[in-house]
């Protein structure tokens, strides 16, 4: 049994972590921090936890955190996490950071897209937390950079094709749609009900901060630098991501070959479900779960492959994947506490 702390428990990722961890058989949820709600029960902030989670939110100074738990999830904004990581690691703790602060290997690239990085000494040891690709490295680490939600859907969708050099990396176009929880819980005019309901729009076209993360990981898969066209959209739903990805083939390949490739590549991955040939994912079939569903179609007429992937952005795109990483870091079964069947309808 390990004591776990959630730093930044008052956002959507924080409450999802609490929901998952409260029934994890190897975890005692010992700390939930929130400056805004300090002194209030977490179940008052999030009534779905009523009668299940009895923690009171605390505003704990960073230097006092280490004594409160054995393992920490950092569900805090970008740049804030880098203030916590050095202190927690030097105290001998293990950390899963859900911000972008340690996802980008190159500090210069990070600073182009985010802000000044003040903990660059730790970038070299941070492991990108996509278990399906980096399981062994994650298990031997003490700092995991939990992937972004859009990148998770894209990287899992393209990994089999890029690893086998079946597509031209410079032709990748990514069309992704996300529910509004991806924008966080803070008040924002753009995500008010009347601004989102009955509408559908693109945003941050050609400038979304997940772009360098996607390019970094896809480049590692195929062994070369690449640039992608990435266009995110906002859906009038609370959760879910659907990514439709297009790329030109680099050699002739049949639909049957692609079907077999994906089936073999993910044969031992519980949380990746390859759709039956001819069928494709939908957000409602992964809602509330840690699954990523993937479907593919070879368009022989145009010489392109279309890949469609779906995840719940709050679970496999954030909290669920973070718990999956914790399980690896702590030598627990990887699926422990995460075998939730998706909610439908």
C-alpha atoms as a PDB file:
ATOM      1  CA  UNK A   1       0.000   0.000   0.000  1.00  0.00           C
ATOM      2  CA  UNK A   2       1.406   3.380  -0.999  1.00  0.00           C
ATOM      3  CA  UNK A   3       0.324   6.856   0.052  1.00  0.00           C
ATOM      4  CA  UNK A   4      -0.565   8.970  -2.985  1.00  0.00           C
ATOM      5  CA  UNK A   5      -0.891  12.726  -3.277  1.00  0.00           C
ATOM      6  CA  UNK A   6      -2.697  14.691  -5.976  1.00  0.00           C
ATOM      7  CA  UNK A   7      -1.204  18.144  -6.380  1.00  0.00           C
ATOM      8  CA  UNK A   8      -3.833  20.282  -8.087  1.00  0.00           C
ATOM      9  CA  UNK A   9      -6.899  18.224  -7.277  1.00  0.00           C
ATOM     10  CA  UNK A  10      -9.582  20.771  -8.176  1.00  0.00           C
ATOM     11  CA  UNK A  11      -9.485  20.392 -11.970  1.00  0.00           C
ATOM     12  CA  UNK A  12     -11.051  17.759 -14.199  1.00  0.00           C
ATOM     13  CA  UNK A  13      -7.868  15.698 -14.181  1.00  0.00           C
ATOM     14  CA  UNK A  14      -7.676  15.918 -10.395  1.00  0.00           C
ATOM     15  CA  UNK A  15     -11.201  14.651  -9.813  1.00  0.00           C
ATOM     16  CA  UNK A  16     -10.710  11.861 -12.348  1.00  0.00           C
ATOM     17  CA  UNK A  17      -7.544  10.796 -10.535  1.00  0.00           C
ATOM     18  CA  UNK A  18      -9.475  10.740  -7.253  1.00  0.00           C
ATOM     19  CA  UNK A  19     -12.307   8.739  -8.840  1.00  0.00           C
ATOM     20  CA  UNK A  20      -9.904   6.096 -10.133  1.00  0.00           C
ATOM     21  CA  UNK A  21      -7.564   5.963  -7.144  1.00  0.00           C
ATOM     22  CA  UNK A  22     -10.234   5.714  -4.451  1.00  0.00           C
ATOM     23  CA  UNK A  23     -10.886   2.114  -5.521  1.00  0.00           C
ATOM     24  CA  UNK A  24      -7.287   1.182  -6.338  1.00  0.00           C
ATOM     25  CA  UNK A  25      -6.433  -1.744  -4.026  1.00  0.00           C
ATOM     26  CA  UNK A  26      -2.789  -0.710  -3.517  1.00  0.00           C
ATOM     27  CA  UNK A  27      -3.332   2.989  -2.894  1.00  0.00           C
ATOM     28  CA  UNK A  28      -4.211   5.204   0.048  1.00  0.00           C
ATOM     29  CA  UNK A  29      -5.207   8.636  -1.207  1.00  0.00           C
ATOM     30  CA  UNK A  30      -3.506  10.757   1.455  1.00  0.00           C
ATOM     31  CA  UNK A  31      -3.378  14.287   0.041  1.00  0.00           C
ATOM     32  CA  UNK A  32      -5.335  16.544  -2.301  1.00  0.00           C
ATOM     33  CA  UNK A  33      -4.049  20.084  -2.751  1.00  0.00           C
ATOM     34  CA  UNK A  34      -5.946  23.121  -3.981  1.00  0.00           C
ATOM     35  CA  UNK A  35      -5.289  26.761  -3.217  1.00  0.00           C
ATOM     36  CA  UNK A  36      -8.746  27.856  -4.297  1.00  0.00           C
ATOM     37  CA  UNK A  37     -10.644  25.263  -2.259  1.00  0.00           C
ATOM     38  CA  UNK A  38      -8.304  24.891   0.723  1.00  0.00           C
ATOM     39  CA  UNK A  39     -10.262  23.821   3.799  1.00  0.00           C
ATOM     40  CA  UNK A  40     -13.162  22.389   1.804  1.00  0.00           C
ATOM     41  CA  UNK A  41     -13.854  18.669   1.406  1.00  0.00           C
ATOM     42  CA  UNK A  42     -12.988  17.447  -2.079  1.00  0.00           C
ATOM     43  CA  UNK A  43     -16.453  15.861  -2.158  1.00  0.00           C
ATOM     44  CA  UNK A  44     -17.984  19.330  -1.788  1.00  0.00           C
ATOM     45  CA  UNK A  45     -15.993  20.580  -4.767  1.00  0.00           C
ATOM     46  CA  UNK A  46     -16.957  17.452  -6.708  1.00  0.00           C
ATOM     47  CA  UNK A  47     -20.194  15.952  -5.313  1.00  0.00           C
ATOM     48  CA  UNK A  48     -19.728  12.785  -7.400  1.00  0.00           C
ATOM     49  CA  UNK A  49     -17.136  11.807  -4.743  1.00  0.00           C
ATOM     50  CA  UNK A  50     -19.604  12.230  -1.863  1.00  0.00           C
ATOM     51  CA  UNK A  51     -19.409   9.333   0.612  1.00  0.00           C
ATOM     52  CA  UNK A  52     -16.395   7.870  -1.172  1.00  0.00           C
ATOM     53  CA  UNK A  53     -13.525  10.354  -0.812  1.00  0.00           C
ATOM     54  CA  UNK A  54     -13.308  12.145   2.535  1.00  0.00           C
ATOM     55  CA  UNK A  55     -10.144  14.198   1.935  1.00  0.00           C
ATOM     56  CA  UNK A  56     -10.117  17.915   2.690  1.00  0.00           C
ATOM     57  CA  UNK A  57      -8.315  20.109   0.163  1.00  0.00           C
ATOM     58  CA  UNK A  58      -5.130  21.680   1.495  1.00  0.00           C
ATOM     59  CA  UNK A  59      -2.807  24.444   0.377  1.00  0.00           C
ATOM     60  CA  UNK A  60       0.539  22.802   1.146  1.00  0.00           C
ATOM     61  CA  UNK A  61       3.842  24.552   0.533  1.00  0.00           C
ATOM     62  CA  UNK A  62       6.072  22.742  -1.923  1.00  0.00           C
ATOM     63  CA  UNK A  63       8.798  22.150   0.656  1.00  0.00           C
ATOM     64  CA  UNK A  64       6.295  20.395   2.950  1.00  0.00           C
ATOM     65  CA  UNK A  65       4.810  18.064   0.342  1.00  0.00           C
ATOM     66  CA  UNK A  66       7.324  15.235   0.428  1.00  0.00           C
ATOM     67  CA  UNK A  67       6.424  14.066   3.948  1.00  0.00           C
ATOM     68  CA  UNK A  68       2.730  13.738   3.031  1.00  0.00           C
ATOM     69  CA  UNK A  69       2.896  10.934   0.455  1.00  0.00           C
ATOM     70  CA  UNK A  70       5.125   8.360  -1.227  1.00  0.00           C
ATOM     71  CA  UNK A  71       3.973   9.021  -4.774  1.00  0.00           C
ATOM     72  CA  UNK A  72       2.752  12.219  -6.421  1.00  0.00           C
ATOM     73  CA  UNK A  73       0.595  13.168  -9.379  1.00  0.00           C
ATOM     74  CA  UNK A  74       1.160  16.736 -10.520  1.00  0.00           C
ATOM     75  CA  UNK A  75      -2.097  17.970 -12.063  1.00  0.00           C
ATOM     76  CA  UNK A  76      -0.962  21.588 -12.188  1.00  0.00           C
ATOM     77  CA  UNK A  77      -0.486  24.117 -15.005  1.00  0.00           C
ATOM     78  CA  UNK A  78       2.549  24.223 -17.265  1.00  0.00           C
ATOM     79  CA  UNK A  79       5.596  25.850 -15.648  1.00  0.00           C
ATOM     80  CA  UNK A  80       4.174  25.179 -12.170  1.00  0.00           C
ATOM     81  CA  UNK A  81       5.170  21.502 -12.260  1.00  0.00           C
ATOM     82  CA  UNK A  82       8.844  22.291 -12.781  1.00  0.00           C
ATOM     83  CA  UNK A  83       8.847  23.987  -9.379  1.00  0.00           C
ATOM     84  CA  UNK A  84       7.692  20.788  -7.661  1.00  0.00           C
ATOM     85  CA  UNK A  85       9.672  18.116  -9.482  1.00  0.00           C
ATOM     86  CA  UNK A  86      13.207  18.865  -8.211  1.00  0.00           C
ATOM     87  CA  UNK A  87      12.102  18.990  -4.571  1.00  0.00           C
ATOM     88  CA  UNK A  88      10.042  15.799  -4.754  1.00  0.00           C
ATOM     89  CA  UNK A  89      12.685  13.809  -6.619  1.00  0.00           C
ATOM     90  CA  UNK A  90      15.457  14.889  -4.279  1.00  0.00           C
ATOM     91  CA  UNK A  91      13.255  13.706  -1.392  1.00  0.00           C
ATOM     92  CA  UNK A  92      13.195  10.242  -2.981  1.00  0.00           C
ATOM     93  CA  UNK A  93       9.629  10.382  -4.279  1.00  0.00           C
ATOM     94  CA  UNK A  94       8.282   9.187  -7.625  1.00  0.00           C
ATOM     95  CA  UNK A  95       6.289  11.560  -9.779  1.00  0.00           C
ATOM     96  CA  UNK A  96       3.906  11.458 -12.731  1.00  0.00           C
ATOM     97  CA  UNK A  97       3.621  14.965 -14.159  1.00  0.00           C
ATOM     98  CA  UNK A  98       0.484  15.632 -16.183  1.00  0.00           C
ATOM     99  CA  UNK A  99       1.639  19.023 -17.466  1.00  0.00           C
ATOM    100  CA  UNK A 100       3.811  19.520 -20.549  1.00  0.00           C
ATOM    101  CA  UNK A 101       6.890  20.567 -18.558  1.00  0.00           C
ATOM    102  CA  UNK A 102       8.872  17.356 -19.083  1.00  0.00           C
ATOM    103  CA  UNK A 103       7.364  15.959 -22.293  1.00  0.00           C
ATOM    104  CA  UNK A 104       9.587  17.854 -24.711  1.00  0.00           C
ATOM    105  CA  UNK A 105      13.170  16.573 -24.706  1.00  0.00           C
ATOM    106  CA  UNK A 106      14.690  19.751 -26.143  1.00  0.00           C
ATOM    107  CA  UNK A 107      14.455  22.699 -23.749  1.00  0.00           C
ATOM    108  CA  UNK A 108      14.762  25.140 -26.641  1.00  0.00           C
ATOM    109  CA  UNK A 109      11.739  23.638 -28.372  1.00  0.00           C
ATOM    110  CA  UNK A 110       9.779  23.702 -25.122  1.00  0.00           C
ATOM    111  CA  UNK A 111      10.556  27.378 -24.643  1.00  0.00           C
ATOM    112  CA  UNK A 112       9.451  28.214 -28.203  1.00  0.00           C
ATOM    113  CA  UNK A 113       5.979  26.800 -27.527  1.00  0.00           C
ATOM    114  CA  UNK A 114       5.564  27.373 -23.776  1.00  0.00           C
ATOM    115  CA  UNK A 115       7.827  29.488 -21.559  1.00  0.00           C
ATOM    116  CA  UNK A 116      11.233  29.485 -19.854  1.00  0.00           C
ATOM    117  CA  UNK A 117      12.202  26.088 -18.447  1.00  0.00           C
ATOM    118  CA  UNK A 118      13.758  26.305 -14.986  1.00  0.00           C
ATOM    119  CA  UNK A 119      14.383  22.583 -14.356  1.00  0.00           C
ATOM    120  CA  UNK A 120      16.273  21.556 -17.475  1.00  0.00           C
ATOM    121  CA  UNK A 121      18.549  19.230 -15.492  1.00  0.00           C
ATOM    122  CA  UNK A 122      15.640  16.825 -15.144  1.00  0.00           C
ATOM    123  CA  UNK A 123      14.616  16.684 -18.803  1.00  0.00           C
ATOM    124  CA  UNK A 124      17.137  13.952 -19.564  1.00  0.00           C
ATOM    125  CA  UNK A 125      15.707  11.522 -17.053  1.00  0.00           C
ATOM    126  CA  UNK A 126      12.015  12.191 -17.643  1.00  0.00           C
ATOM    127  CA  UNK A 127      10.411   9.289 -19.516  1.00  0.00           C
ATOM    128  CA  UNK A 128       7.576   9.950 -21.934  1.00  0.00           C
ATOM    129  CA  UNK A 129       4.676   8.105 -20.362  1.00  0.00           C
ATOM    130  CA  UNK A 130       3.085   6.173 -23.209  1.00  0.00           C
ATOM    131  CA  UNK A 131       3.210   2.618 -21.807  1.00  0.00           C
ATOM    132  CA  UNK A 132       2.474   0.904 -25.106  1.00  0.00           C
ATOM    133  CA  UNK A 133       5.788   2.250 -26.458  1.00  0.00           C
ATOM    134  CA  UNK A 134       7.990   2.877 -23.411  1.00  0.00           C
ATOM    135  CA  UNK A 135       6.857   0.331 -20.825  1.00  0.00           C
ATOM    136  CA  UNK A 136      10.309  -0.862 -19.728  1.00  0.00           C
ATOM    137  CA  UNK A 137      11.777   2.634 -19.447  1.00  0.00           C
ATOM    138  CA  UNK A 138       8.788   3.837 -17.443  1.00  0.00           C
ATOM    139  CA  UNK A 139       9.110   0.957 -14.982  1.00  0.00           C
ATOM    140  CA  UNK A 140      12.720   1.883 -14.241  1.00  0.00           C
ATOM    141  CA  UNK A 141      12.218   5.619 -13.835  1.00  0.00           C
ATOM    142  CA  UNK A 142      11.242   8.032 -11.095  1.00  0.00           C
ATOM    143  CA  UNK A 143       9.813  10.848 -13.255  1.00  0.00           C
ATOM    144  CA  UNK A 144       7.212  10.228 -15.953  1.00  0.00           C
ATOM    145  CA  UNK A 145       5.916  12.915 -18.282  1.00  0.00           C
ATOM    146  CA  UNK A 146       2.318  11.935 -18.904  1.00  0.00           C
ATOM    147  CA  UNK A 147       1.455  12.483 -22.606  1.00  0.00           C
ATOM    148  CA  UNK A 148      -0.998  15.073 -23.828  1.00  0.00           C
ATOM    149  CA  UNK A 149      -4.472  13.945 -24.835  1.00  0.00           C
ATOM    150  CA  UNK A 150      -4.258  14.729 -28.553  1.00  0.00           C
ATOM    151  CA  UNK A 151      -0.761  13.196 -28.857  1.00  0.00           C
ATOM    152  CA  UNK A 152      -1.941   9.981 -27.187  1.00  0.00           C
ATOM    153  CA  UNK A 153      -4.653   9.472 -29.787  1.00  0.00           C
ATOM    154  CA  UNK A 154      -2.327  10.344 -32.671  1.00  0.00           C
ATOM    155  CA  UNK A 155       0.785   8.411 -31.633  1.00  0.00           C
ATOM    156  CA  UNK A 156      -1.105   5.201 -30.882  1.00  0.00           C
ATOM    157  CA  UNK A 157      -2.952   5.587 -34.169  1.00  0.00           C
ATOM    158  CA  UNK A 158       0.205   5.938 -36.278  1.00  0.00           C
ATOM    159  CA  UNK A 159       2.793   3.845 -34.413  1.00  0.00           C
ATOM    160  CA  UNK A 160       2.342   0.589 -36.394  1.00  0.00           C
ATOM    161  CA  UNK A 161       2.604   2.380 -39.746  1.00  0.00           C
ATOM    162  CA  UNK A 162       5.631   4.505 -38.826  1.00  0.00           C
ATOM    163  CA  UNK A 163       7.526   1.687 -37.130  1.00  0.00           C
ATOM    164  CA  UNK A 164       7.154  -0.357 -40.309  1.00  0.00           C
ATOM    165  CA  UNK A 165       7.921   2.557 -42.692  1.00  0.00           C
ATOM    166  CA  UNK A 166       4.609   2.169 -44.534  1.00  0.00           C
ATOM    167  CA  UNK A 167       3.759   5.876 -44.824  1.00  0.00           C
ATOM    168  CA  UNK A 168       5.592   9.021 -45.899  1.00  0.00           C
ATOM    169  CA  UNK A 169       6.104  10.929 -42.594  1.00  0.00           C
ATOM    170  CA  UNK A 170       6.024  14.315 -44.313  1.00  0.00           C
ATOM    171  CA  UNK A 171       2.465  13.789 -45.602  1.00  0.00           C
ATOM    172  CA  UNK A 172       0.750  13.365 -42.218  1.00  0.00           C
ATOM    173  CA  UNK A 173      -2.387  15.458 -41.679  1.00  0.00           C
ATOM    174  CA  UNK A 174      -4.122  15.228 -38.302  1.00  0.00           C
ATOM    175  CA  UNK A 175      -7.739  16.321 -37.874  1.00  0.00           C
ATOM    176  CA  UNK A 176      -8.662  16.014 -34.172  1.00  0.00           C
ATOM    177  CA  UNK A 177     -11.819  16.845 -32.262  1.00  0.00           C
ATOM    178  CA  UNK A 178     -12.073  17.164 -28.481  1.00  0.00           C
ATOM    179  CA  UNK A 179     -14.722  17.614 -25.843  1.00  0.00           C
ATOM    180  CA  UNK A 180     -14.651  20.793 -23.766  1.00  0.00           C
ATOM    181  CA  UNK A 181     -12.999  19.222 -20.707  1.00  0.00           C
ATOM    182  CA  UNK A 182      -9.776  19.496 -22.695  1.00  0.00           C
ATOM    183  CA  UNK A 183      -9.860  23.250 -22.074  1.00  0.00           C
ATOM    184  CA  UNK A 184      -9.793  22.792 -18.306  1.00  0.00           C
ATOM    185  CA  UNK A 185     -12.195  23.870 -15.573  1.00  0.00           C
ATOM    186  CA  UNK A 186     -11.344  27.560 -15.293  1.00  0.00           C
ATOM    187  CA  UNK A 187     -13.920  30.048 -16.502  1.00  0.00           C
ATOM    188  CA  UNK A 188     -13.465  30.829 -20.195  1.00  0.00           C
ATOM    189  CA  UNK A 189     -15.915  32.533 -22.529  1.00  0.00           C
ATOM    190  CA  UNK A 190     -14.966  30.259 -25.411  1.00  0.00           C
ATOM    191  CA  UNK A 191     -16.140  27.176 -23.517  1.00  0.00           C
ATOM    192  CA  UNK A 192     -19.389  28.532 -22.045  1.00  0.00           C
ATOM    193  CA  UNK A 193     -22.437  26.413 -22.873  1.00  0.00           C
ATOM    194  CA  UNK A 194     -23.935  28.967 -25.253  1.00  0.00           C
ATOM    195  CA  UNK A 195     -20.595  29.330 -27.048  1.00  0.00           C
ATOM    196  CA  UNK A 196     -20.174  25.575 -27.574  1.00  0.00           C
ATOM    197  CA  UNK A 197     -23.617  23.970 -27.833  1.00  0.00           C
ATOM    198  CA  UNK A 198     -24.954  23.428 -31.361  1.00  0.00           C
ATOM    199  CA  UNK A 199     -21.607  24.478 -32.805  1.00  0.00           C
ATOM    200  CA  UNK A 200     -18.360  23.013 -34.092  1.00  0.00           C
ATOM    201  CA  UNK A 201     -15.171  24.924 -34.763  1.00  0.00           C
ATOM    202  CA  UNK A 202     -11.437  24.657 -35.295  1.00  0.00           C
ATOM    203  CA  UNK A 203      -9.064  26.463 -32.951  1.00  0.00           C
ATOM    204  CA  UNK A 204      -5.322  27.159 -32.668  1.00  0.00           C
ATOM    205  CA  UNK A 205      -4.911  26.107 -36.293  1.00  0.00           C
ATOM    206  CA  UNK A 206      -1.238  25.474 -36.998  1.00  0.00           C
ATOM    207  CA  UNK A 207      -0.192  26.672 -33.540  1.00  0.00           C
ATOM    208  CA  UNK A 208      -1.441  24.200 -30.949  1.00  0.00           C
ATOM    209  CA  UNK A 209       1.106  23.438 -28.242  1.00  0.00           C
ATOM    210  CA  UNK A 210       0.760  19.683 -28.707  1.00  0.00           C
ATOM    211  CA  UNK A 211       2.343  19.972 -32.152  1.00  0.00           C
ATOM    212  CA  UNK A 212       6.008  19.664 -31.048  1.00  0.00           C
ATOM    213  CA  UNK A 213       5.126  16.755 -28.768  1.00  0.00           C
ATOM    214  CA  UNK A 214       3.445  14.925 -31.641  1.00  0.00           C
ATOM    215  CA  UNK A 215       6.340  15.645 -33.995  1.00  0.00           C
ATOM    216  CA  UNK A 216       8.918  14.547 -31.423  1.00  0.00           C
ATOM    217  CA  UNK A 217       7.308  11.160 -30.787  1.00  0.00           C
ATOM    218  CA  UNK A 218       6.342  10.417 -34.393  1.00  0.00           C
ATOM    219  CA  UNK A 219       9.892  11.312 -35.433  1.00  0.00           C
ATOM    220  CA  UNK A 220      11.310   8.841 -32.934  1.00  0.00           C
ATOM    221  CA  UNK A 221       9.041   6.129 -34.312  1.00  0.00           C
ATOM    222  CA  UNK A 222      10.292   6.518 -37.886  1.00  0.00           C
ATOM    223  CA  UNK A 223      13.833   7.647 -37.094  1.00  0.00           C
ATOM    224  CA  UNK A 224      13.720  11.057 -38.762  1.00  0.00           C
ATOM    225  CA  UNK A 225      12.603  14.613 -38.168  1.00  0.00           C
ATOM    226  CA  UNK A 226       9.181  15.482 -39.516  1.00  0.00           C
ATOM    227  CA  UNK A 227       6.512  18.151 -39.593  1.00  0.00           C
ATOM    228  CA  UNK A 228       2.803  17.485 -39.377  1.00  0.00           C
ATOM    229  CA  UNK A 229      -0.301  19.498 -40.133  1.00  0.00           C
ATOM    230  CA  UNK A 230      -2.349  19.401 -36.932  1.00  0.00           C
ATOM    231  CA  UNK A 231      -5.781  21.020 -36.676  1.00  0.00           C
ATOM    232  CA  UNK A 232      -7.765  20.600 -33.425  1.00  0.00           C
ATOM    233  CA  UNK A 233     -11.502  21.237 -33.162  1.00  0.00           C
ATOM    234  CA  UNK A 234     -13.881  21.775 -30.268  1.00  0.00           C
ATOM    235  CA  UNK A 235     -16.857  19.430 -30.051  1.00  0.00           C
ATOM    236  CA  UNK A 236     -20.055  20.295 -28.138  1.00  0.00           C
ATOM    237  CA  UNK A 237     -19.546  17.306 -25.794  1.00  0.00           C
ATOM    238  CA  UNK A 238     -17.949  17.095 -22.351  1.00  0.00           C
ATOM    239  CA  UNK A 239     -15.335  14.397 -23.017  1.00  0.00           C
ATOM    240  CA  UNK A 240     -13.758  12.409 -25.778  1.00  0.00           C
ATOM    241  CA  UNK A 241     -11.267  12.829 -28.600  1.00  0.00           C
ATOM    242  CA  UNK A 242     -11.673  11.564 -32.140  1.00  0.00           C
ATOM    243  CA  UNK A 243      -8.589  11.908 -34.346  1.00  0.00           C
ATOM    244  CA  UNK A 244      -8.754  11.268 -38.073  1.00  0.00           C
ATOM    245  CA  UNK A 245      -5.260  11.001 -39.532  1.00  0.00           C
ATOM    246  CA  UNK A 246      -4.273  10.956 -43.202  1.00  0.00           C
ATOM    247  CA  UNK A 247      -0.942   9.950 -44.764  1.00  0.00           C
ATOM    248  CA  UNK A 248       0.364   8.841 -48.161  1.00  0.00           C
ATOM    249  CA  UNK A 249       1.623   5.284 -48.415  1.00  0.00           C
ATOM    250  CA  UNK A 250       5.322   4.734 -49.107  1.00  0.00           C
ATOM    251  CA  UNK A 251       4.739   1.339 -50.709  1.00  0.00           C
ATOM    252  CA  UNK A 252       1.822  -0.684 -51.981  1.00  0.00           C
ATOM    253  CA  UNK A 253      -0.095  -2.292 -49.146  1.00  0.00           C
ATOM    254  CA  UNK A 254      -3.463  -4.006 -48.989  1.00  0.00           C
ATOM    255  CA  UNK A 255      -6.288  -3.509 -46.530  1.00  0.00           C
ATOM    256  CA  UNK A 256      -5.780  -7.044 -45.252  1.00  0.00           C
ATOM    257  CA  UNK A 257      -2.105  -6.331 -44.623  1.00  0.00           C
ATOM    258  CA  UNK A 258      -2.930  -3.206 -42.612  1.00  0.00           C
ATOM    259  CA  UNK A 259      -5.605  -5.035 -40.626  1.00  0.00           C
ATOM    260  CA  UNK A 260      -3.103  -7.746 -39.720  1.00  0.00           C
ATOM    261  CA  UNK A 261      -0.381  -5.220 -38.928  1.00  0.00           C
ATOM    262  CA  UNK A 262      -2.524  -3.435 -36.334  1.00  0.00           C
ATOM    263  CA  UNK A 263      -3.866  -6.668 -34.886  1.00  0.00           C
ATOM    264  CA  UNK A 264      -0.323  -7.989 -34.392  1.00  0.00           C
ATOM    265  CA  UNK A 265       1.159  -4.696 -33.140  1.00  0.00           C
ATOM    266  CA  UNK A 266      -1.436  -4.303 -30.394  1.00  0.00           C
ATOM    267  CA  UNK A 267      -2.145  -7.985 -29.727  1.00  0.00           C
ATOM    268  CA  UNK A 268      -0.818  -7.813 -26.159  1.00  0.00           C
ATOM    269  CA  UNK A 269      -2.081  -4.320 -25.316  1.00  0.00           C
ATOM    270  CA  UNK A 270      -5.197  -4.476 -23.157  1.00  0.00           C
ATOM    271  CA  UNK A 271      -5.944  -0.757 -23.468  1.00  0.00           C
ATOM    272  CA  UNK A 272      -5.711  -0.555 -27.263  1.00  0.00           C
ATOM    273  CA  UNK A 273      -8.646  -2.093 -29.113  1.00  0.00           C
ATOM    274  CA  UNK A 274      -8.355  -2.490 -32.862  1.00  0.00           C
ATOM    275  CA  UNK A 275     -11.763  -2.289 -34.519  1.00  0.00           C
ATOM    276  CA  UNK A 276     -13.096  -5.047 -36.703  1.00  0.00           C
ATOM    277  CA  UNK A 277     -12.247  -4.553 -40.398  1.00  0.00           C
ATOM    278  CA  UNK A 278     -14.655  -2.046 -41.922  1.00  0.00           C
ATOM    279  CA  UNK A 279     -15.692  -0.490 -38.607  1.00  0.00           C
ATOM    280  CA  UNK A 280     -14.380   2.649 -36.925  1.00  0.00           C
ATOM    281  CA  UNK A 281     -14.186   4.129 -33.420  1.00  0.00           C
ATOM    282  CA  UNK A 282     -16.565   6.575 -31.779  1.00  0.00           C
ATOM    283  CA  UNK A 283     -16.099   8.635 -28.634  1.00  0.00           C
ATOM    284  CA  UNK A 284     -19.204   7.184 -26.959  1.00  0.00           C
ATOM    285  CA  UNK A 285     -17.652   3.713 -26.938  1.00  0.00           C
ATOM    286  CA  UNK A 286     -14.595   4.725 -24.882  1.00  0.00           C
ATOM    287  CA  UNK A 287     -16.271   7.230 -22.555  1.00  0.00           C
ATOM    288  CA  UNK A 288     -15.097   6.885 -18.952  1.00  0.00           C
ATOM    289  CA  UNK A 289     -12.499   4.257 -19.832  1.00  0.00           C
ATOM    290  CA  UNK A 290      -8.751   3.933 -20.386  1.00  0.00           C
ATOM    291  CA  UNK A 291      -9.200   2.419 -23.849  1.00  0.00           C
ATOM    292  CA  UNK A 292      -7.969   3.708 -27.181  1.00  0.00           C
ATOM    293  CA  UNK A 293      -9.989   2.361 -30.123  1.00  0.00           C
ATOM    294  CA  UNK A 294      -8.403   2.395 -33.592  1.00  0.00           C
ATOM    295  CA  UNK A 295      -9.727   1.731 -37.096  1.00  0.00           C
ATOM    296  CA  UNK A 296      -7.965   2.011 -40.481  1.00  0.00           C
ATOM    297  CA  UNK A 297      -8.838   2.221 -44.143  1.00  0.00           C
ATOM    298  CA  UNK A 298      -6.506   1.940 -47.134  1.00  0.00           C
ATOM    299  CA  UNK A 299      -7.656   4.317 -49.866  1.00  0.00           C
ATOM    300  CA  UNK A 300      -6.038   2.669 -52.882  1.00  0.00           C
ATOM    301  CA  UNK A 301      -7.544   5.248 -55.242  1.00  0.00           C
ATOM    302  CA  UNK A 302      -5.598   8.124 -53.666  1.00  0.00           C
ATOM    303  CA  UNK A 303      -2.644   6.176 -52.298  1.00  0.00           C
ATOM    304  CA  UNK A 304      -3.422   7.211 -48.737  1.00  0.00           C
ATOM    305  CA  UNK A 305      -4.225   5.526 -45.442  1.00  0.00           C
ATOM    306  CA  UNK A 306      -6.865   6.934 -43.103  1.00  0.00           C
ATOM    307  CA  UNK A 307      -6.527   6.117 -39.399  1.00  0.00           C
ATOM    308  CA  UNK A 308      -9.269   6.939 -36.888  1.00  0.00           C
ATOM    309  CA  UNK A 309      -8.628   6.750 -33.145  1.00  0.00           C
ATOM    310  CA  UNK A 310     -10.829   7.542 -30.156  1.00  0.00           C
ATOM    311  CA  UNK A 311     -10.019   8.061 -26.487  1.00  0.00           C
ATOM    312  CA  UNK A 312     -11.586   9.640 -23.436  1.00  0.00           C
ATOM    313  CA  UNK A 313      -9.380  12.705 -23.076  1.00  0.00           C
ATOM    314  CA  UNK A 314      -9.770  12.779 -19.288  1.00  0.00           C
ATOM    315  CA  UNK A 315      -8.917   9.079 -18.810  1.00  0.00           C
ATOM    316  CA  UNK A 316      -6.535   7.607 -21.403  1.00  0.00           C
ATOM    317  CA  UNK A 317      -5.706  11.198 -22.343  1.00  0.00           C
ATOM    318  CA  UNK A 318      -4.824  12.169 -18.765  1.00  0.00           C
ATOM    319  CA  UNK A 319      -5.736  10.558 -15.412  1.00  0.00           C
ATOM    320  CA  UNK A 320      -6.162   6.941 -16.507  1.00  0.00           C
ATOM    321  CA  UNK A 321      -2.869   6.888 -18.359  1.00  0.00           C
ATOM    322  CA  UNK A 322      -1.228   8.536 -15.333  1.00  0.00           C
ATOM    323  CA  UNK A 323      -2.468   5.686 -13.118  1.00  0.00           C
ATOM    324  CA  UNK A 324      -1.294   3.191 -15.741  1.00  0.00           C
ATOM    325  CA  UNK A 325       2.146   4.792 -15.421  1.00  0.00           C
ATOM    326  CA  UNK A 326       1.971   4.702 -11.618  1.00  0.00           C
ATOM    327  CA  UNK A 327       1.251   0.986 -11.778  1.00  0.00           C
ATOM    328  CA  UNK A 328       4.393   0.451 -13.846  1.00  0.00           C
ATOM    329  CA  UNK A 329       6.523   2.661 -11.576  1.00  0.00           C
ATOM    330  CA  UNK A 330       5.338   0.782  -8.489  1.00  0.00           C
ATOM    331  CA  UNK A 331       5.509  -2.735  -9.999  1.00  0.00           C
ATOM    332  CA  UNK A 332       1.741  -3.217  -9.789  1.00  0.00           C
ATOM    333  CA  UNK A 333      -0.187  -4.999 -12.556  1.00  0.00           C
ATOM    334  CA  UNK A 334      -0.475  -2.394 -15.303  1.00  0.00           C
ATOM    335  CA  UNK A 335      -4.255  -2.560 -15.513  1.00  0.00           C
ATOM    336  CA  UNK A 336      -4.868  -2.461 -11.746  1.00  0.00           C
ATOM    337  CA  UNK A 337      -7.779  -0.139 -10.953  1.00  0.00           C
ATOM    338  CA  UNK A 338      -8.326   0.656 -14.643  1.00  0.00           C
ATOM    339  CA  UNK A 339     -10.460  -2.126 -16.091  1.00  0.00           C
ATOM    340  CA  UNK A 340     -13.552   0.080 -16.266  1.00  0.00           C
ATOM    341  CA  UNK A 341     -16.018  -0.775 -19.007  1.00  0.00           C
ATOM    342  CA  UNK A 342     -16.844   2.348 -21.039  1.00  0.00           C
ATOM    343  CA  UNK A 343     -20.081   4.119 -20.107  1.00  0.00           C
ATOM    344  CA  UNK A 344     -22.800   3.745 -22.715  1.00  0.00           C
ATOM    345  CA  UNK A 345     -24.997   5.468 -23.542  1.00  0.00           C
END
